[in-house]
Amino acid sequence: MQTFLESTAPILQDDLVERCKQGDARSFAQIYQKYAKAMYNTSLRIVNNTGDAEDVLQEAFIDAFGSLEAFQYKSTFGAWLKKIVINKSINQLRKRKMDLIEIEKTNVGMLPEEERMDEKEIQLKVEEVKQAVTQLPNGYRTVLTLYLFEGYDHEEIAEILRISHATVRTQYMRAKQKLLGIIKQGGLS
């Protein structure tokens, strides 16, 4: 199965990355400038804390630059770096003891069919939706962010978070319902 990070076309070598591999200090700075904002935003959507996102960003670049020789162009450098950022963001949440409860370990069983909200009726600006996402609990926000904003599928999210596929589906469904509830109630601050 091909993930969104893989491509059928060969990835061309990046001159900037190659210069970094050779130890060129200016190239390190250029790569940082090129990717820092996007990687910070990716982390912030997951950890929902500016200080933690800044820490994740710094740690991700340190790790990426430290293991640059391992980068083999199986994906773009940006995709490789994003994977590092996402993993570090999730680890940061784990440090905060974020618990995603395995659905099999609860007595919840099958969830009752909840009242469905018509998503097509809700049309908000992107910033309003982003604000509503920040109000979600950590587990919901993480699964929703990885699925909607980062493009991972449920199987990939389950692997990243080390939880079952059923838990990912349940977390996503609940996150979506809660997000729609926040939006419909006008709970945006």
C-alpha atoms as a PDB file:
ATOM      1  CA  MET A   1       0.000   0.000   0.000  1.00  0.00           C
ATOM      2  CA  GLN A   2       1.422   3.365  -1.014  1.00  0.00           C
ATOM      3  CA  THR A   3       1.236   6.167   1.559  1.00  0.00           C
ATOM      4  CA  PHE A   4       0.796   9.824   0.767  1.00  0.00           C
ATOM      5  CA  LEU A   5       4.525  10.367   1.384  1.00  0.00           C
ATOM      6  CA  GLU A   6       5.531   7.923  -1.317  1.00  0.00           C
ATOM      7  CA  SER A   7       5.535   8.741  -4.973  1.00  0.00           C
ATOM      8  CA  THR A   8       5.778   6.747  -8.141  1.00  0.00           C
ATOM      9  CA  ALA A   9       8.054   9.379  -9.673  1.00  0.00           C
ATOM     10  CA  PRO A  10      11.667   9.424  -8.533  1.00  0.00           C
ATOM     11  CA  ILE A  11      12.551  12.216  -6.133  1.00  0.00           C
ATOM     12  CA  LEU A  12      15.281  14.412  -7.547  1.00  0.00           C
ATOM     13  CA  GLN A  13      18.226  15.283  -5.360  1.00  0.00           C
ATOM     14  CA  ASP A  14      17.892  18.637  -3.688  1.00  0.00           C
ATOM     15  CA  ASP A  15      21.024  20.774  -4.113  1.00  0.00           C
ATOM     16  CA  LEU A  16      20.326  22.535  -0.827  1.00  0.00           C
ATOM     17  CA  VAL A  17      20.104  19.235   1.052  1.00  0.00           C
ATOM     18  CA  GLU A  18      23.255  17.998  -0.642  1.00  0.00           C
ATOM     19  CA  ARG A  19      25.128  21.147   0.408  1.00  0.00           C
ATOM     20  CA  CYS A  20      23.930  20.552   3.981  1.00  0.00           C
ATOM     21  CA  LYS A  21      25.239  16.991   3.805  1.00  0.00           C
ATOM     22  CA  GLN A  22      28.605  18.525   2.924  1.00  0.00           C
ATOM     23  CA  GLY A  23      28.428  20.767   6.015  1.00  0.00           C
ATOM     24  CA  ASP A  24      27.653  24.113   4.362  1.00  0.00           C
ATOM     25  CA  ALA A  25      26.412  26.354   7.220  1.00  0.00           C
ATOM     26  CA  ARG A  26      24.496  28.738   4.924  1.00  0.00           C
ATOM     27  CA  SER A  27      22.530  25.838   3.483  1.00  0.00           C
ATOM     28  CA  PHE A  28      21.426  24.759   6.969  1.00  0.00           C
ATOM     29  CA  ALA A  29      20.104  28.281   7.571  1.00  0.00           C
ATOM     30  CA  GLN A  30      18.352  28.319   4.187  1.00  0.00           C
ATOM     31  CA  ILE A  31      16.629  24.986   4.840  1.00  0.00           C
ATOM     32  CA  TYR A  32      15.531  26.216   8.252  1.00  0.00           C
ATOM     33  CA  GLN A  33      14.090  29.404   6.730  1.00  0.00           C
ATOM     34  CA  LYS A  34      12.394  27.439   3.970  1.00  0.00           C
ATOM     35  CA  TYR A  35      10.603  24.944   6.237  1.00  0.00           C
ATOM     36  CA  ALA A  36      10.382  26.449   9.746  1.00  0.00           C
ATOM     37  CA  LYS A  37       7.018  28.220   9.436  1.00  0.00           C
ATOM     38  CA  ALA A  38       5.186  25.272   7.874  1.00  0.00           C
ATOM     39  CA  MET A  39       6.678  22.798  10.341  1.00  0.00           C
ATOM     40  CA  TYR A  40       5.843  25.069  13.283  1.00  0.00           C
ATOM     41  CA  ASN A  41       2.230  25.301  12.095  1.00  0.00           C
ATOM     42  CA  THR A  42       2.036  21.520  11.715  1.00  0.00           C
ATOM     43  CA  SER A  43       3.272  21.042  15.264  1.00  0.00           C
ATOM     44  CA  LEU A  44       1.049  23.781  16.674  1.00  0.00           C
ATOM     45  CA  ARG A  45      -2.061  22.153  15.194  1.00  0.00           C
ATOM     46  CA  ILE A  46      -1.173  18.964  17.072  1.00  0.00           C
ATOM     47  CA  VAL A  47       0.210  20.195  20.408  1.00  0.00           C
ATOM     48  CA  ASN A  48      -1.970  23.332  20.621  1.00  0.00           C
ATOM     49  CA  ASN A  49       0.674  25.190  22.641  1.00  0.00           C
ATOM     50  CA  THR A  50       3.098  27.719  21.173  1.00  0.00           C
ATOM     51  CA  GLY A  51       5.941  26.901  23.565  1.00  0.00           C
ATOM     52  CA  ASP A  52       5.645  23.171  22.906  1.00  0.00           C
ATOM     53  CA  ALA A  53       5.429  23.773  19.143  1.00  0.00           C
ATOM     54  CA  GLU A  54       8.601  25.886  19.271  1.00  0.00           C
ATOM     55  CA  ASP A  55      10.386  23.138  21.242  1.00  0.00           C
ATOM     56  CA  VAL A  56       9.208  20.488  18.786  1.00  0.00           C
ATOM     57  CA  LEU A  57      10.391  22.602  15.860  1.00  0.00           C
ATOM     58  CA  GLN A  58      13.880  23.007  17.309  1.00  0.00           C
ATOM     59  CA  GLU A  59      14.171  19.328  18.257  1.00  0.00           C
ATOM     60  CA  ALA A  60      12.940  18.235  14.828  1.00  0.00           C
ATOM     61  CA  PHE A  61      15.526  20.337  13.006  1.00  0.00           C
ATOM     62  CA  ILE A  62      18.291  19.140  15.336  1.00  0.00           C
ATOM     63  CA  ASP A  63      17.307  15.522  14.663  1.00  0.00           C
ATOM     64  CA  ALA A  64      16.893  16.096  10.922  1.00  0.00           C
ATOM     65  CA  PHE A  65      20.254  17.845  10.575  1.00  0.00           C
ATOM     66  CA  GLY A  66      21.890  15.206  12.777  1.00  0.00           C
ATOM     67  CA  SER A  67      20.609  12.354  10.643  1.00  0.00           C
ATOM     68  CA  LEU A  68      20.810  14.031   7.245  1.00  0.00           C
ATOM     69  CA  GLU A  69      23.037  11.255   5.929  1.00  0.00           C
ATOM     70  CA  ALA A  70      20.130   8.843   6.465  1.00  0.00           C
ATOM     71  CA  PHE A  71      17.893  10.889   4.152  1.00  0.00           C
ATOM     72  CA  GLN A  72      17.715   8.832   0.946  1.00  0.00           C
ATOM     73  CA  TYR A  73      15.188  10.752  -1.236  1.00  0.00           C
ATOM     74  CA  LYS A  74      12.437   8.166  -0.786  1.00  0.00           C
ATOM     75  CA  SER A  75      10.268  11.243  -0.282  1.00  0.00           C
ATOM     76  CA  THR A  76      10.891  14.956  -0.518  1.00  0.00           C
ATOM     77  CA  PHE A  77      12.957  16.531   2.238  1.00  0.00           C
ATOM     78  CA  GLY A  78       9.879  18.478   3.357  1.00  0.00           C
ATOM     79  CA  ALA A  79       7.791  15.305   3.705  1.00  0.00           C
ATOM     80  CA  TRP A  80      10.632  13.595   5.600  1.00  0.00           C
ATOM     81  CA  LEU A  81      10.957  16.584   7.940  1.00  0.00           C
ATOM     82  CA  LYS A  82       7.170  16.762   8.429  1.00  0.00           C
ATOM     83  CA  LYS A  83       7.130  13.141   9.549  1.00  0.00           C
ATOM     84  CA  ILE A  84       9.803  13.968  12.148  1.00  0.00           C
ATOM     85  CA  VAL A  85       7.789  16.995  13.319  1.00  0.00           C
ATOM     86  CA  ILE A  86       4.570  14.983  13.593  1.00  0.00           C
ATOM     87  CA  ASN A  87       6.262  12.201  15.547  1.00  0.00           C
ATOM     88  CA  LYS A  88       7.917  14.703  17.900  1.00  0.00           C
ATOM     89  CA  SER A  89       4.597  16.522  18.361  1.00  0.00           C
ATOM     90  CA  ILE A  90       2.857  13.302  19.297  1.00  0.00           C
ATOM     91  CA  ASN A  91       5.688  12.452  21.694  1.00  0.00           C
ATOM     92  CA  GLN A  92       5.258  15.900  23.251  1.00  0.00           C
ATOM     93  CA  LEU A  93       1.579  15.137  23.832  1.00  0.00           C
ATOM     94  CA  ARG A  94       2.531  11.803  25.372  1.00  0.00           C
ATOM     95  CA  LYS A  95       4.841  13.654  27.750  1.00  0.00           C
ATOM     96  CA  ARG A  96       1.772  15.603  28.838  1.00  0.00           C
ATOM     97  CA  LYS A  97       0.191  12.211  29.471  1.00  0.00           C
ATOM     98  CA  MET A  98      -2.421  12.503  26.756  1.00  0.00           C
ATOM     99  CA  ASP A  99      -4.464   9.336  26.908  1.00  0.00           C
ATOM    100  CA  LEU A 100      -6.219   7.893  23.918  1.00  0.00           C
ATOM    101  CA  ILE A 101      -8.262   5.105  25.437  1.00  0.00           C
ATOM    102  CA  GLU A 102      -8.296   1.897  23.468  1.00  0.00           C
ATOM    103  CA  ILE A 103     -11.924   1.247  22.506  1.00  0.00           C
ATOM    104  CA  GLU A 104     -11.471  -2.493  23.136  1.00  0.00           C
ATOM    105  CA  LYS A 105     -10.444  -1.762  26.740  1.00  0.00           C
ATOM    106  CA  THR A 106     -13.667   0.096  27.524  1.00  0.00           C
ATOM    107  CA  ASN A 107     -17.178  -1.149  27.993  1.00  0.00           C
ATOM    108  CA  VAL A 108     -18.517   1.398  25.552  1.00  0.00           C
ATOM    109  CA  GLY A 109     -19.012  -1.178  22.831  1.00  0.00           C
ATOM    110  CA  MET A 110     -20.647   0.110  19.716  1.00  0.00           C
ATOM    111  CA  LEU A 111     -21.491   3.773  19.815  1.00  0.00           C
ATOM    112  CA  PRO A 112     -25.149   4.656  19.322  1.00  0.00           C
ATOM    113  CA  GLU A 113     -25.944   6.426  16.111  1.00  0.00           C
ATOM    114  CA  GLU A 114     -25.900  10.068  17.106  1.00  0.00           C
ATOM    115  CA  GLU A 115     -27.920  12.791  15.502  1.00  0.00           C
ATOM    116  CA  ARG A 116     -26.130  13.642  12.303  1.00  0.00           C
ATOM    117  CA  MET A 117     -25.323  17.227  11.543  1.00  0.00           C
ATOM    118  CA  ASP A 118     -25.474  18.357   7.967  1.00  0.00           C
ATOM    119  CA  GLU A 119     -21.900  19.409   7.295  1.00  0.00           C
ATOM    120  CA  LYS A 120     -22.860  21.082   4.015  1.00  0.00           C
ATOM    121  CA  GLU A 121     -25.011  23.598   5.926  1.00  0.00           C
ATOM    122  CA  ILE A 122     -21.993  24.775   7.903  1.00  0.00           C
ATOM    123  CA  GLN A 123     -19.815  27.113   5.883  1.00  0.00           C
ATOM    124  CA  LEU A 124     -17.206  28.961   7.892  1.00  0.00           C
ATOM    125  CA  LYS A 125     -14.014  30.746   7.140  1.00  0.00           C
ATOM    126  CA  VAL A 126     -10.821  28.738   7.578  1.00  0.00           C
ATOM    127  CA  GLU A 127      -9.711  30.774  10.596  1.00  0.00           C
ATOM    128  CA  GLU A 128     -12.978  30.078  12.417  1.00  0.00           C
ATOM    129  CA  VAL A 129     -12.582  26.347  11.873  1.00  0.00           C
ATOM    130  CA  LYS A 130      -8.958  26.471  13.053  1.00  0.00           C
ATOM    131  CA  GLN A 131     -10.085  28.284  16.201  1.00  0.00           C
ATOM    132  CA  ALA A 132     -12.741  25.652  16.844  1.00  0.00           C
ATOM    133  CA  VAL A 133     -10.155  22.882  16.383  1.00  0.00           C
ATOM    134  CA  THR A 134      -8.013  24.402  19.143  1.00  0.00           C
ATOM    135  CA  GLN A 135     -10.944  23.917  21.555  1.00  0.00           C
ATOM    136  CA  LEU A 136     -10.991  20.143  21.018  1.00  0.00           C
ATOM    137  CA  PRO A 137      -9.462  17.800  23.610  1.00  0.00           C
ATOM    138  CA  ASN A 138      -5.913  16.656  22.762  1.00  0.00           C
ATOM    139  CA  GLY A 139      -6.847  13.199  21.474  1.00  0.00           C
ATOM    140  CA  TYR A 140      -9.614  14.453  19.223  1.00  0.00           C
ATOM    141  CA  ARG A 141      -7.526  17.343  17.922  1.00  0.00           C
ATOM    142  CA  THR A 142      -4.557  15.090  17.178  1.00  0.00           C
ATOM    143  CA  VAL A 143      -6.534  12.534  15.165  1.00  0.00           C
ATOM    144  CA  LEU A 144      -8.511  15.230  13.322  1.00  0.00           C
ATOM    145  CA  THR A 145      -5.358  17.192  12.496  1.00  0.00           C
ATOM    146  CA  LEU A 146      -3.456  14.164  11.232  1.00  0.00           C
ATOM    147  CA  TYR A 147      -6.390  13.110   9.069  1.00  0.00           C
ATOM    148  CA  LEU A 148      -7.708  16.413   7.711  1.00  0.00           C
ATOM    149  CA  PHE A 149      -4.673  18.714   7.691  1.00  0.00           C
ATOM    150  CA  GLU A 150      -1.748  16.339   7.323  1.00  0.00           C
ATOM    151  CA  GLY A 151      -3.355  13.818   4.954  1.00  0.00           C
ATOM    152  CA  TYR A 152      -2.723  10.609   6.893  1.00  0.00           C
ATOM    153  CA  ASP A 153      -5.277   7.826   6.564  1.00  0.00           C
ATOM    154  CA  HIS A 154      -6.753   6.002   9.565  1.00  0.00           C
ATOM    155  CA  GLU A 155      -4.301   3.090   9.328  1.00  0.00           C
ATOM    156  CA  GLU A 156      -1.312   5.434   9.299  1.00  0.00           C
ATOM    157  CA  ILE A 157      -2.691   7.390  12.259  1.00  0.00           C
ATOM    158  CA  ALA A 158      -3.227   4.164  14.206  1.00  0.00           C
ATOM    159  CA  GLU A 159       0.395   3.214  13.575  1.00  0.00           C
ATOM    160  CA  ILE A 160       1.736   6.674  14.485  1.00  0.00           C
ATOM    161  CA  LEU A 161      -0.289   6.907  17.713  1.00  0.00           C
ATOM    162  CA  ARG A 162       0.118   3.209  18.531  1.00  0.00           C
ATOM    163  CA  ILE A 163      -3.616   2.693  18.948  1.00  0.00           C
ATOM    164  CA  SER A 164      -6.115   0.503  17.137  1.00  0.00           C
ATOM    165  CA  HIS A 165      -7.741   1.419  13.846  1.00  0.00           C
ATOM    166  CA  ALA A 166     -11.142   1.275  15.594  1.00  0.00           C
ATOM    167  CA  THR A 167      -9.960   3.821  18.163  1.00  0.00           C
ATOM    168  CA  VAL A 168      -8.803   6.160  15.404  1.00  0.00           C
ATOM    169  CA  ARG A 169     -12.175   5.908  13.659  1.00  0.00           C
ATOM    170  CA  THR A 170     -14.006   6.518  16.940  1.00  0.00           C
ATOM    171  CA  GLN A 171     -11.772   9.463  17.903  1.00  0.00           C
ATOM    172  CA  TYR A 172     -12.207  10.973  14.428  1.00  0.00           C
ATOM    173  CA  MET A 173     -15.983  10.564  14.491  1.00  0.00           C
ATOM    174  CA  ARG A 174     -16.260  12.082  17.965  1.00  0.00           C
ATOM    175  CA  ALA A 175     -13.842  14.896  17.078  1.00  0.00           C
ATOM    176  CA  LYS A 176     -15.874  15.761  13.998  1.00  0.00           C
ATOM    177  CA  GLN A 177     -19.140  15.748  15.960  1.00  0.00           C
ATOM    178  CA  LYS A 178     -17.661  17.859  18.755  1.00  0.00           C
ATOM    179  CA  LEU A 179     -16.135  20.279  16.250  1.00  0.00           C
ATOM    180  CA  LEU A 180     -19.445  20.662  14.458  1.00  0.00           C
ATOM    181  CA  GLY A 181     -21.149  21.188  17.820  1.00  0.00           C
ATOM    182  CA  ILE A 182     -18.707  23.947  18.750  1.00  0.00           C
ATOM    183  CA  ILE A 183     -19.295  25.609  15.412  1.00  0.00           C
ATOM    184  CA  LYS A 184     -23.101  25.329  15.513  1.00  0.00           C
ATOM    185  CA  GLN A 185     -23.247  26.644  19.078  1.00  0.00           C
ATOM    186  CA  GLY A 186     -21.145  29.602  18.087  1.00  0.00           C
ATOM    187  CA  GLY A 187     -18.651  28.569  20.756  1.00  0.00           C
ATOM    188  CA  LEU A 188     -15.787  30.191  18.911  1.00  0.00           C
ATOM    189  CA  SER A 189     -13.786  32.565  21.042  1.00  0.00           C
END
